[in-house]
Amino acid sequence: MEKQILVSGLHCENCPKHIAELIKDAKGVEKLDKDMDKMTLTISGNEDLDVNEIKADLASKPFKVEELA
């Protein structure tokens, strides 16, 4: 299973690192691929991956996520 989300609210090159730290323990997450130029974070995981959990993990921070088709 692979989902791609658009991350907005990035301010610097360290933002993707902060996002990865915030969601590293989310259930089902196996791999994170960050692209600062496109402001995207591709999250790969198993059947337990829950995009809503990821959104909730980032909701308390200045980052906003939108699931891409």
C-alpha atoms as a PDB file:
ATOM      1  CA  MET A   1       0.000   0.000   0.000  1.00  0.00           C
ATOM      2  CA  GLU A   2       1.320   3.432  -0.850  1.00  0.00           C
ATOM      3  CA  LYS A   3      -0.242   6.816  -0.287  1.00  0.00           C
ATOM      4  CA  GLN A   4       1.036  10.223  -1.283  1.00  0.00           C
ATOM      5  CA  ILE A   5       0.142  13.330   0.640  1.00  0.00           C
ATOM      6  CA  LEU A   6       0.806  16.966  -0.133  1.00  0.00           C
ATOM      7  CA  VAL A   7       2.371  18.792   2.793  1.00  0.00           C
ATOM      8  CA  SER A   8       1.931  22.550   3.074  1.00  0.00           C
ATOM      9  CA  GLY A   9       3.323  24.892   5.686  1.00  0.00           C
ATOM     10  CA  LEU A  10       6.964  24.023   5.020  1.00  0.00           C
ATOM     11  CA  HIS A  11       9.313  26.862   5.880  1.00  0.00           C
ATOM     12  CA  CYS A  12      12.814  25.457   5.593  1.00  0.00           C
ATOM     13  CA  GLU A  13      14.910  22.422   4.694  1.00  0.00           C
ATOM     14  CA  ASN A  14      14.440  21.039   8.223  1.00  0.00           C
ATOM     15  CA  CYS A  15      10.636  20.823   7.938  1.00  0.00           C
ATOM     16  CA  PRO A  16      10.633  17.387   6.239  1.00  0.00           C
ATOM     17  CA  LYS A  17      12.806  16.088   9.084  1.00  0.00           C
ATOM     18  CA  HIS A  18      10.327  17.421  11.635  1.00  0.00           C
ATOM     19  CA  ILE A  19       7.431  15.791   9.775  1.00  0.00           C
ATOM     20  CA  ALA A  20       9.255  12.464   9.665  1.00  0.00           C
ATOM     21  CA  GLU A  21       9.884  12.692  13.409  1.00  0.00           C
ATOM     22  CA  LEU A  22       6.216  13.427  14.115  1.00  0.00           C
ATOM     23  CA  ILE A  23       4.892  10.438  12.161  1.00  0.00           C
ATOM     24  CA  LYS A  24       7.704   7.904  12.605  1.00  0.00           C
ATOM     25  CA  ASP A  25       5.677   5.869  15.118  1.00  0.00           C
ATOM     26  CA  ALA A  26       2.398   5.914  13.196  1.00  0.00           C
ATOM     27  CA  LYS A  27       0.952   2.444  12.729  1.00  0.00           C
ATOM     28  CA  GLY A  28       1.762   0.858   9.373  1.00  0.00           C
ATOM     29  CA  VAL A  29       4.433   3.358   8.278  1.00  0.00           C
ATOM     30  CA  GLU A  30       7.437   1.613   6.764  1.00  0.00           C
ATOM     31  CA  LYS A  31       9.123   4.208   4.554  1.00  0.00           C
ATOM     32  CA  LEU A  32       9.093   7.979   4.073  1.00  0.00           C
ATOM     33  CA  ASP A  33      10.320   9.747   0.948  1.00  0.00           C
ATOM     34  CA  LYS A  34      10.535  13.526   1.220  1.00  0.00           C
ATOM     35  CA  ASP A  35      10.724  16.037  -1.639  1.00  0.00           C
ATOM     36  CA  MET A  36      11.212  19.627  -0.465  1.00  0.00           C
ATOM     37  CA  ASP A  37      10.931  21.046  -3.990  1.00  0.00           C
ATOM     38  CA  LYS A  38       7.487  19.547  -4.537  1.00  0.00           C
ATOM     39  CA  MET A  39       6.504  19.886  -0.869  1.00  0.00           C
ATOM     40  CA  THR A  40       5.432  16.245  -0.781  1.00  0.00           C
ATOM     41  CA  LEU A  41       5.974  13.362   1.537  1.00  0.00           C
ATOM     42  CA  THR A  42       5.328   9.892   0.147  1.00  0.00           C
ATOM     43  CA  ILE A  43       4.431   7.460   2.880  1.00  0.00           C
ATOM     44  CA  SER A  44       4.724   3.761   2.147  1.00  0.00           C
ATOM     45  CA  GLY A  45       3.373   1.181   4.493  1.00  0.00           C
ATOM     46  CA  ASN A  46       1.472  -2.030   5.072  1.00  0.00           C
ATOM     47  CA  GLU A  47      -2.279  -2.621   5.341  1.00  0.00           C
ATOM     48  CA  ASP A  48      -2.305  -0.964   8.795  1.00  0.00           C
ATOM     49  CA  LEU A  49      -1.289   2.407   7.307  1.00  0.00           C
ATOM     50  CA  ASP A  50      -3.918   4.993   8.228  1.00  0.00           C
ATOM     51  CA  VAL A  51      -3.669   8.331   6.446  1.00  0.00           C
ATOM     52  CA  ASN A  52      -6.157   9.843   8.894  1.00  0.00           C
ATOM     53  CA  GLU A  53      -3.801   8.999  11.760  1.00  0.00           C
ATOM     54  CA  ILE A  54      -0.988  10.765   9.910  1.00  0.00           C
ATOM     55  CA  LYS A  55      -3.206  13.807   9.377  1.00  0.00           C
ATOM     56  CA  ALA A  56      -4.063  13.818  13.085  1.00  0.00           C
ATOM     57  CA  ASP A  57      -0.379  13.554  14.040  1.00  0.00           C
ATOM     58  CA  LEU A  58       0.379  16.674  11.988  1.00  0.00           C
ATOM     59  CA  ALA A  59      -2.803  18.614  12.838  1.00  0.00           C
ATOM     60  CA  SER A  60      -1.336  20.116  16.003  1.00  0.00           C
ATOM     61  CA  LYS A  61       1.622  21.522  14.063  1.00  0.00           C
ATOM     62  CA  PRO A  62       1.783  24.201  11.359  1.00  0.00           C
ATOM     63  CA  PHE A  63       1.906  21.472   8.700  1.00  0.00           C
ATOM     64  CA  LYS A  64      -1.210  20.644   6.731  1.00  0.00           C
ATOM     65  CA  VAL A  65      -1.685  17.510   4.681  1.00  0.00           C
ATOM     66  CA  GLU A  66      -3.931  16.644   1.796  1.00  0.00           C
ATOM     67  CA  GLU A  67      -4.182  13.167   0.330  1.00  0.00           C
ATOM     68  CA  LEU A  68      -3.452  13.112  -3.385  1.00  0.00           C
ATOM     69  CA  ALA A  69      -5.309  10.857  -5.789  1.00  0.00           C
END
